[in-house]
N, C-alpha and C. Protein backbone atom coordinates (compact mmCIF):
# COMPACT_ATOMS: atom_id res chain seq x y z
N UNK A 1 107.81 153.74 129.99
CA UNK A 1 108.94 153.40 129.05
C UNK A 1 110.11 152.75 130.01
N UNK A 2 110.34 151.40 129.70
CA UNK A 2 111.55 150.93 130.56
C UNK A 2 112.91 151.27 129.68
N UNK A 3 114.27 151.29 130.36
CA UNK A 3 115.40 151.62 129.72
C UNK A 3 115.66 150.23 129.10
N UNK A 4 116.08 150.41 127.77
CA UNK A 4 116.58 149.20 127.07
C UNK A 4 118.45 149.33 127.18
N UNK A 5 118.84 148.20 127.53
CA UNK A 5 120.54 148.15 127.28
C UNK A 5 120.79 146.99 126.23
N UNK A 6 121.42 147.45 125.39
CA UNK A 6 121.93 146.58 124.19
C UNK A 6 123.30 146.33 124.74
N UNK A 7 123.82 145.31 124.94
CA UNK A 7 125.02 144.84 125.79
C UNK A 7 125.73 143.61 125.03
N UNK A 8 127.12 143.82 124.77
CA UNK A 8 127.53 142.55 124.30
C UNK A 8 128.55 142.15 125.74
N UNK A 9 128.33 141.01 126.34
CA UNK A 9 128.98 140.53 127.62
C UNK A 9 130.39 140.06 127.00
N UNK A 10 130.84 140.27 126.12
CA UNK A 10 132.31 140.27 125.68
C UNK A 10 132.91 141.73 125.94
N UNK A 11 132.15 142.60 126.06
CA UNK A 11 132.72 143.90 126.01
C UNK A 11 132.55 144.20 127.91
N UNK A 12 133.82 144.75 128.13
CA UNK A 12 134.18 144.88 129.30
C UNK A 12 133.27 146.27 129.75
N UNK A 13 133.10 147.09 129.02
CA UNK A 13 132.14 148.35 129.42
C UNK A 13 130.78 147.84 129.68
N UNK A 14 130.52 146.95 128.74
CA UNK A 14 129.18 146.47 128.75
C UNK A 14 128.63 145.51 130.01
N UNK A 15 129.93 144.69 130.26
CA UNK A 15 129.59 144.18 131.76
C UNK A 15 129.61 144.90 132.86
N UNK A 16 130.36 146.24 132.84
CA UNK A 16 130.21 146.91 134.06
C UNK A 16 128.84 147.79 134.10
N UNK A 17 128.52 148.03 132.90
CA UNK A 17 126.96 148.70 133.06
C UNK A 17 126.10 147.89 133.33
N UNK A 18 126.07 146.53 132.95
CA UNK A 18 125.48 145.58 133.56
C UNK A 18 125.20 145.45 134.82
N UNK A 19 126.38 145.01 135.43
CA UNK A 19 126.67 145.07 137.05
C UNK A 19 125.92 146.31 137.64
N UNK A 20 126.05 147.48 137.36
CA UNK A 20 125.92 148.68 137.82
C UNK A 20 124.29 148.74 137.92
N UNK A 21 123.95 148.64 136.94
CA UNK A 21 122.20 148.46 136.79
C UNK A 21 121.50 147.68 137.67
N UNK A 22 121.83 146.19 137.39
CA UNK A 22 121.57 145.18 138.32
C UNK A 22 121.62 145.50 139.92
N UNK A 23 122.70 145.72 140.12
CA UNK A 23 123.15 146.12 141.69
C UNK A 23 122.02 147.33 142.39
N UNK A 24 122.14 148.28 141.60
CA UNK A 24 121.29 149.51 142.08
C UNK A 24 119.82 149.34 141.35
N UNK A 25 119.55 148.26 141.43
CA UNK A 25 117.97 148.02 140.78
C UNK A 25 117.39 149.00 139.94
N UNK A 26 118.18 149.15 138.88
CA UNK A 26 117.75 150.04 137.70
C UNK A 26 116.85 149.17 136.75
N UNK A 27 115.69 149.25 136.55
CA UNK A 27 114.65 148.48 135.85
C UNK A 27 115.39 148.50 134.56
N UNK A 28 115.53 147.81 133.69
CA UNK A 28 116.05 147.70 132.15
C UNK A 28 115.41 146.23 131.37
N UNK A 29 115.57 146.52 129.94
CA UNK A 29 115.10 145.25 129.55
C UNK A 29 116.45 145.06 128.58
N UNK A 30 117.13 143.76 128.78
CA UNK A 30 118.40 143.40 127.98
C UNK A 30 118.32 143.13 126.81
N UNK A 31 118.86 143.71 125.73
CA UNK A 31 119.02 143.42 124.53
C UNK A 31 120.14 142.99 124.23
N UNK A 32 120.82 141.37 124.42
CA UNK A 32 122.00 141.01 123.88
C UNK A 32 122.75 141.57 122.53
N UNK A 33 123.63 141.81 122.04
CA UNK A 33 124.00 142.05 121.05
C UNK A 33 125.47 141.23 121.03
N UNK A 34 125.91 140.90 119.37
CA UNK A 34 127.27 140.23 119.29
C UNK A 34 127.65 141.33 118.46
N UNK A 35 128.91 142.00 118.92
CA UNK A 35 129.30 142.89 118.39
C UNK A 35 130.40 142.38 117.08
N UNK A 36 131.23 141.34 117.57
CA UNK A 36 132.18 140.67 116.75
C UNK A 36 132.05 139.44 116.13
N UNK A 37 130.79 138.85 116.40
CA UNK A 37 130.06 137.84 115.88
C UNK A 37 131.20 136.67 115.69
N UNK A 38 131.74 136.63 116.91
CA UNK A 38 132.53 135.31 117.09
C UNK A 38 133.97 135.43 116.86
N UNK A 39 134.34 136.81 116.48
CA UNK A 39 135.66 137.19 116.54
C UNK A 39 136.44 137.47 117.73
N UNK A 40 137.64 136.90 118.01
CA UNK A 40 137.89 137.05 119.50
C UNK A 40 139.74 136.77 119.54
N UNK A 41 139.93 137.92 119.30
CA UNK A 41 141.81 138.01 119.42
C UNK A 41 142.28 137.26 118.17
N UNK A 42 143.61 137.05 117.95
CA UNK A 42 144.13 136.25 117.06
C UNK A 42 143.59 134.74 117.07
N UNK A 43 142.93 134.32 117.79
CA UNK A 43 142.64 132.90 117.73
C UNK A 43 141.71 132.88 116.59
N UNK A 44 140.83 133.92 116.48
CA UNK A 44 139.82 133.62 115.47
C UNK A 44 140.41 133.33 114.12
N UNK A 45 141.86 133.79 113.96
CA UNK A 45 142.59 133.56 112.68
C UNK A 45 143.13 131.80 112.51
N UNK A 46 142.90 131.23 113.89
CA UNK A 46 143.34 130.04 113.86
C UNK A 46 144.80 129.94 114.15
N UNK A 47 145.53 131.05 114.77
CA UNK A 47 146.72 131.31 114.60
C UNK A 47 147.00 131.78 116.04
N UNK A 48 148.17 131.18 116.62
CA UNK A 48 148.75 131.74 118.11
C UNK A 48 149.08 132.93 117.92
N UNK A 49 149.20 133.61 119.18
CA UNK A 49 150.07 134.54 119.77
C UNK A 49 151.43 134.40 119.34
N UNK A 50 152.50 135.01 118.73
CA UNK A 50 153.83 134.71 118.78
C UNK A 50 154.33 135.01 120.21
N UNK A 51 155.53 134.08 120.42
CA UNK A 51 155.75 134.00 121.90
C UNK A 51 156.24 135.31 122.52
N UNK A 52 157.15 136.20 121.47
CA UNK A 52 157.72 137.07 122.14
C UNK A 52 156.44 138.30 122.23
N UNK A 53 155.57 138.52 121.58
CA UNK A 53 154.54 139.19 121.76
C UNK A 53 153.59 138.91 122.93
N UNK A 54 153.42 137.73 123.28
CA UNK A 54 152.62 137.02 124.57
C UNK A 54 153.58 137.34 125.92
N UNK A 55 155.03 137.18 125.43
CA UNK A 55 155.89 137.45 126.72
C UNK A 55 155.89 139.10 127.26
N UNK A 56 155.71 139.95 126.00
CA UNK A 56 155.85 141.24 126.13
C UNK A 56 154.42 141.55 126.72
N UNK A 57 153.36 141.33 126.47
CA UNK A 57 152.05 141.37 127.16
C UNK A 57 151.71 141.26 128.10
N UNK A 58 152.32 140.08 128.77
CA UNK A 58 152.28 139.55 129.93
C UNK A 58 152.89 140.28 130.96
N UNK A 59 154.14 140.86 130.68
CA UNK A 59 155.10 141.63 131.21
C UNK A 59 154.56 143.05 131.49
N UNK A 60 153.92 143.82 130.29
CA UNK A 60 153.08 144.93 130.75
C UNK A 60 151.70 144.68 131.59
N UNK A 61 151.24 143.83 131.44
CA UNK A 61 150.11 143.30 132.26
C UNK A 61 150.75 143.20 133.90
N UNK A 62 151.36 142.38 133.91
CA UNK A 62 152.22 142.47 135.45
C UNK A 62 152.68 143.97 136.04
N UNK A 63 153.04 144.60 134.72
CA UNK A 63 153.40 146.26 135.53
C UNK A 63 152.05 146.71 135.70
N UNK A 64 151.19 146.81 134.92
CA UNK A 64 149.61 147.44 135.30
C UNK A 64 149.30 146.96 136.41
N UNK A 65 149.12 145.66 136.70
CA UNK A 65 148.49 145.21 138.14
C UNK A 65 149.25 145.89 139.36
N UNK A 66 150.67 145.88 138.98
CA UNK A 66 151.37 146.29 139.99
C UNK A 66 151.02 148.00 140.56
N UNK A 67 150.93 148.34 139.30
CA UNK A 67 150.74 149.82 139.41
C UNK A 67 149.04 149.89 139.93
N UNK A 68 148.17 149.18 139.83
CA UNK A 68 147.05 149.24 140.32
C UNK A 68 146.97 148.97 141.65
N UNK A 69 147.75 148.08 141.94
CA UNK A 69 147.62 147.87 143.42
C UNK A 69 148.37 148.99 144.44
N UNK A 70 149.68 149.48 143.69
CA UNK A 70 150.47 150.49 144.33
C UNK A 70 149.69 151.85 144.44
N UNK A 71 149.31 152.35 143.39
CA UNK A 71 148.65 153.64 143.05
C UNK A 71 147.05 153.78 143.56
N UNK A 72 146.45 152.89 143.23
CA UNK A 72 144.98 153.14 143.41
C UNK A 72 144.34 152.33 144.48
N UNK A 73 144.79 150.98 144.51
CA UNK A 73 144.41 150.45 145.58
C UNK A 73 145.24 150.78 146.94
N UNK A 74 146.13 150.55 146.87
CA UNK A 74 147.06 151.06 148.23
C UNK A 74 146.52 150.07 149.28
N UNK A 75 146.13 150.65 150.42
CA UNK A 75 145.50 150.16 151.43
C UNK A 75 144.24 150.14 151.80
N UNK A 76 143.19 150.41 150.92
CA UNK A 76 142.10 150.80 150.80
C UNK A 76 141.28 149.45 150.34
N UNK A 77 139.96 149.30 150.79
CA UNK A 77 138.98 148.31 150.56
C UNK A 77 139.08 148.10 148.97
N UNK A 78 138.59 149.59 148.33
CA UNK A 78 138.21 149.59 147.05
C UNK A 78 139.14 150.53 146.36
N UNK A 79 139.02 150.66 145.27
CA UNK A 79 140.09 151.80 144.21
C UNK A 79 139.93 153.10 144.75
N UNK A 80 138.54 153.59 145.19
CA UNK A 80 138.32 155.01 145.51
C UNK A 80 138.26 155.32 147.16
N UNK A 81 138.35 153.95 147.90
CA UNK A 81 137.84 154.36 149.28
C UNK A 81 137.23 153.04 149.69
N UNK A 82 136.32 153.02 150.85
CA UNK A 82 135.98 152.09 151.55
C UNK A 82 134.70 151.37 150.98
N UNK A 83 134.18 152.14 150.16
CA UNK A 83 133.03 151.49 149.05
C UNK A 83 133.44 150.84 147.78
N UNK A 84 132.63 150.41 147.41
CA UNK A 84 132.86 149.98 145.95
C UNK A 84 132.24 151.25 145.02
N UNK A 85 132.97 151.27 143.83
CA UNK A 85 132.46 152.70 142.99
C UNK A 85 132.77 152.04 141.74
N UNK A 86 132.24 152.72 140.67
CA UNK A 86 132.10 152.26 139.17
C UNK A 86 133.76 151.98 138.64
N UNK A 87 134.43 152.74 139.47
CA UNK A 87 135.72 152.51 139.32
C UNK A 87 136.34 150.74 139.47
N UNK A 88 135.72 150.32 140.55
CA UNK A 88 136.09 149.00 140.72
C UNK A 88 135.33 147.84 139.71
N UNK A 89 133.76 148.59 139.04
CA UNK A 89 133.75 147.60 138.38
C UNK A 89 134.12 147.57 136.86
N UNK A 90 134.79 148.68 136.59
CA UNK A 90 135.35 148.98 135.30
C UNK A 90 136.82 148.33 135.50
N UNK A 91 137.32 148.27 136.49
CA UNK A 91 138.62 147.34 136.66
C UNK A 91 138.49 146.07 136.54
N UNK A 92 137.55 145.23 137.42
CA UNK A 92 137.52 143.85 137.55
C UNK A 92 136.98 143.57 136.27
N UNK A 93 136.26 144.04 135.38
CA UNK A 93 135.40 143.70 134.37
C UNK A 93 136.84 143.55 133.36
N UNK A 94 137.52 144.75 133.49
CA UNK A 94 138.67 144.64 132.21
C UNK A 94 139.55 143.30 132.69
N UNK A 95 139.98 142.73 134.15
CA UNK A 95 140.46 141.87 134.58
C UNK A 95 140.51 140.77 134.22
N UNK A 96 138.95 140.65 134.07
CA UNK A 96 138.64 138.93 133.83
C UNK A 96 138.62 138.63 132.46
N UNK A 97 139.26 139.84 131.43
CA UNK A 97 139.45 139.24 130.24
C UNK A 97 140.62 138.09 130.02
N UNK A 98 142.20 138.70 130.81
CA UNK A 98 143.21 138.03 131.14
C UNK A 98 142.83 136.42 131.63
N UNK A 99 141.94 136.66 132.61
CA UNK A 99 141.31 135.59 133.40
C UNK A 99 140.71 134.43 132.34
N UNK A 100 139.84 134.96 131.62
CA UNK A 100 139.06 134.22 130.74
C UNK A 100 139.86 133.63 129.99
N UNK A 101 140.89 134.07 129.51
CA UNK A 101 141.96 133.21 128.74
C UNK A 101 143.31 132.35 129.45
N UNK A 102 142.81 132.12 130.60
CA UNK A 102 143.66 130.98 131.52
C UNK A 102 144.82 131.77 132.09
N UNK A 103 144.86 133.32 132.40
CA UNK A 103 146.06 133.82 133.10
C UNK A 103 145.39 133.95 134.35
N UNK A 104 146.42 133.45 135.34
CA UNK A 104 146.16 133.48 136.86
C UNK A 104 146.73 134.63 137.63
N UNK A 105 146.08 135.63 137.01
CA UNK A 105 146.68 137.25 137.42
C UNK A 105 146.37 137.60 138.86
N UNK A 106 145.66 137.02 139.68
CA UNK A 106 145.26 137.07 141.00
C UNK A 106 146.16 136.27 141.81
N UNK A 107 147.01 135.13 141.45
CA UNK A 107 147.74 134.34 142.12
C UNK A 107 149.05 135.17 142.58
N UNK A 108 149.47 134.99 143.80
CA UNK A 108 150.52 135.56 144.16
C UNK A 108 150.47 137.52 144.31
N UNK A 109 149.41 137.57 144.56
CA UNK A 109 148.71 139.00 144.41
C UNK A 109 147.84 139.19 145.34
N UNK A 110 148.16 138.70 146.75
CA UNK A 110 147.19 138.72 147.84
C UNK A 110 146.30 139.91 148.15
N UNK A 111 146.96 141.13 147.91
CA UNK A 111 145.95 142.60 148.25
C UNK A 111 145.16 142.41 146.92
N UNK A 112 145.48 142.15 145.50
CA UNK A 112 144.73 142.26 144.48
C UNK A 112 143.60 141.21 144.67
N UNK A 113 143.97 139.98 145.05
CA UNK A 113 143.00 138.87 145.17
C UNK A 113 141.92 139.02 146.22
N UNK A 114 142.39 139.79 147.39
CA UNK A 114 141.43 140.62 148.44
C UNK A 114 140.35 141.42 147.66
N UNK A 115 140.90 142.33 147.12
CA UNK A 115 139.92 143.17 146.49
C UNK A 115 139.14 142.63 145.37
N UNK A 116 139.41 141.64 144.47
CA UNK A 116 138.75 141.09 143.78
C UNK A 116 137.58 140.37 144.68
N UNK A 117 137.99 139.65 145.81
CA UNK A 117 136.70 138.89 146.68
C UNK A 117 135.78 140.14 146.93
N UNK A 118 136.70 141.16 147.73
CA UNK A 118 135.42 142.12 147.99
C UNK A 118 134.77 142.70 146.99
N UNK A 119 135.12 142.83 145.55
CA UNK A 119 134.38 143.39 144.81
C UNK A 119 133.10 142.11 144.51
N UNK A 120 133.41 141.15 144.33
CA UNK A 120 132.54 139.93 143.94
C UNK A 120 131.45 139.87 145.09
N UNK A 121 131.68 140.12 146.33
CA UNK A 121 130.78 139.81 147.35
C UNK A 121 130.09 141.22 147.26
N UNK A 122 130.49 142.43 147.19
CA UNK A 122 129.91 143.65 147.30
C UNK A 122 128.72 143.57 145.98
N UNK A 123 129.13 142.91 145.07
CA UNK A 123 127.98 143.14 143.72
C UNK A 123 127.01 141.53 143.74
N UNK A 124 127.72 140.73 144.66
CA UNK A 124 127.00 139.27 144.74
C UNK A 124 127.59 138.08 143.66
N UNK A 125 127.86 137.20 144.22
CA UNK A 125 128.52 136.18 143.55
C UNK A 125 127.98 135.90 142.16
N UNK A 126 126.42 135.58 142.54
CA UNK A 126 125.83 135.38 141.27
C UNK A 126 125.70 136.40 140.16
N UNK A 127 125.44 137.80 140.74
CA UNK A 127 125.68 138.61 139.38
C UNK A 127 126.95 138.76 138.87
N UNK A 128 127.96 138.52 139.50
CA UNK A 128 129.27 138.41 139.08
C UNK A 128 129.65 137.54 138.05
N UNK A 129 129.08 136.24 138.67
CA UNK A 129 129.24 135.06 137.41
C UNK A 129 128.30 135.31 136.33
N UNK A 130 127.39 135.96 136.71
CA UNK A 130 126.30 136.23 135.44
C UNK A 130 127.05 137.03 134.28
N UNK A 131 127.44 137.99 134.73
CA UNK A 131 127.73 138.99 134.04
C UNK A 131 129.21 138.56 133.12
N UNK A 132 130.24 137.76 133.61
CA UNK A 132 131.04 137.09 133.29
C UNK A 132 131.26 135.75 132.51
N UNK A 133 129.83 135.34 132.28
CA UNK A 133 129.47 133.91 131.74
C UNK A 133 129.97 133.86 130.55
N UNK A 134 129.84 134.80 129.32
CA UNK A 134 130.08 134.87 128.14
C UNK A 134 131.52 135.04 128.05
N UNK A 135 132.20 135.71 128.94
CA UNK A 135 133.56 136.11 128.35
C UNK A 135 134.39 134.74 128.95
N UNK A 136 133.92 134.17 130.07
CA UNK A 136 134.71 133.25 130.65
C UNK A 136 134.67 131.68 129.79
N UNK A 137 133.69 131.76 128.70
CA UNK A 137 133.54 130.75 127.62
C UNK A 137 134.28 131.11 126.31
N UNK A 138 134.96 132.54 126.45
CA UNK A 138 135.36 132.69 124.82
C UNK A 138 136.72 131.92 124.39
N UNK A 139 137.30 131.15 124.96
CA UNK A 139 138.38 130.37 124.71
C UNK A 139 137.86 129.27 123.96
N UNK A 140 136.65 128.98 124.49
CA UNK A 140 135.91 127.80 124.03
C UNK A 140 135.13 127.80 122.41
N UNK A 141 135.16 129.32 122.16
CA UNK A 141 134.32 129.74 120.80
C UNK A 141 134.97 129.10 119.51
N UNK A 142 133.90 128.68 119.02
CA UNK A 142 134.47 128.39 117.64
C UNK A 142 135.06 129.37 116.80
N UNK A 143 135.98 129.41 115.98
CA UNK A 143 136.78 130.17 115.17
C UNK A 143 135.75 130.73 114.26
N UNK A 144 135.79 131.96 113.79
CA UNK A 144 135.05 132.84 112.88
C UNK A 144 135.10 131.93 111.50
N UNK A 145 133.87 132.51 110.75
CA UNK A 145 133.76 131.76 109.43
C UNK A 145 134.77 132.50 108.55
N UNK A 146 135.15 131.66 107.63
CA UNK A 146 136.27 132.08 106.67
C UNK A 146 136.02 133.52 105.98
N UNK A 147 134.67 133.97 105.74
CA UNK A 147 134.86 135.04 105.12
C UNK A 147 134.96 136.44 106.24
N UNK A 148 134.64 136.36 107.46
CA UNK A 148 134.90 136.93 108.44
C UNK A 148 136.25 137.34 108.68
N UNK A 149 137.00 136.07 108.66
CA UNK A 149 138.74 135.77 108.96
C UNK A 149 139.32 136.72 108.04
N UNK A 150 138.62 136.71 107.03
CA UNK A 150 139.39 137.05 105.77
C UNK A 150 139.46 138.61 105.48
N UNK A 151 138.00 139.12 106.03
CA UNK A 151 138.02 140.54 106.04
C UNK A 151 138.81 140.96 107.08
N UNK A 152 139.08 140.23 107.93
CA UNK A 152 139.56 141.06 109.40
C UNK A 152 141.02 140.71 109.37
N UNK A 153 141.19 139.88 108.67
CA UNK A 153 142.61 139.30 108.88
C UNK A 153 143.89 140.38 108.70
N UNK A 154 143.93 141.54 107.85
CA UNK A 154 144.65 142.48 107.88
C UNK A 154 144.80 143.45 109.20
N UNK A 155 143.62 143.39 109.97
CA UNK A 155 143.73 144.58 111.12
C UNK A 155 144.28 143.51 112.20
N UNK A 156 144.04 142.10 112.38
CA UNK A 156 144.58 141.08 113.14
C UNK A 156 146.10 141.21 113.24
N UNK A 157 146.71 141.27 111.76
CA UNK A 157 148.20 141.05 111.50
C UNK A 157 148.82 142.44 112.28
N UNK A 158 147.89 143.50 111.89
CA UNK A 158 148.67 144.97 112.43
C UNK A 158 148.69 144.89 114.10
N UNK A 159 147.57 144.29 114.63
CA UNK A 159 147.45 143.99 115.81
C UNK A 159 148.50 143.44 116.61
N UNK A 160 149.04 142.18 115.91
CA UNK A 160 150.10 141.38 116.42
C UNK A 160 151.21 141.57 116.21
N UNK A 161 151.89 142.48 115.33
CA UNK A 161 153.07 142.88 115.29
C UNK A 161 153.48 143.68 116.62
C-alpha cells in the first residue's frame, strides 16, 4: 500500500508537504486536487484591491519579513540552525505567494535572499520549481465562472475591507 497525497499546489502547506516527501524519498502517489476551482483572491471577482488595502498589506508584509530575518533567521543558515527543516519549507512556500503576485520581496534583503537560495539549493532547484509551478502561474488564471463568483462574493467583500 502506497501513501496517497491529495494536494492542491495553490496551497502553501500542500507545497511544503510535497517538497518534504519528495526530498526525503517518501514514496507516494500524487492526487492533485483543486480546492478553490479557479478562485484566487479578489481578482476572481474582476476587481482590483483597493490601494489603501494594498498599501497596508505590503507594509505588514515588510514588517513580517523583518521579523523573520531578525528573530528567526538571525545569522543562521536556516531558520532553526545550520540545516534545513520543515520550518524553512513552510516559510518559503508561504513567501512564494507574494512572489507569484509580482512582489519582489527578496530584493533589498540580502540575508533573506541568501536564505531563499540556500533553501532552494537544499531541496534542489528542479523540485523547488516543480512545487511552485502552479502558484507562479496563478496571476494568469482566468476569472472564476459567474456562479462561483456570485456565491463567494460576500466572503471576498468581507476579506477586502
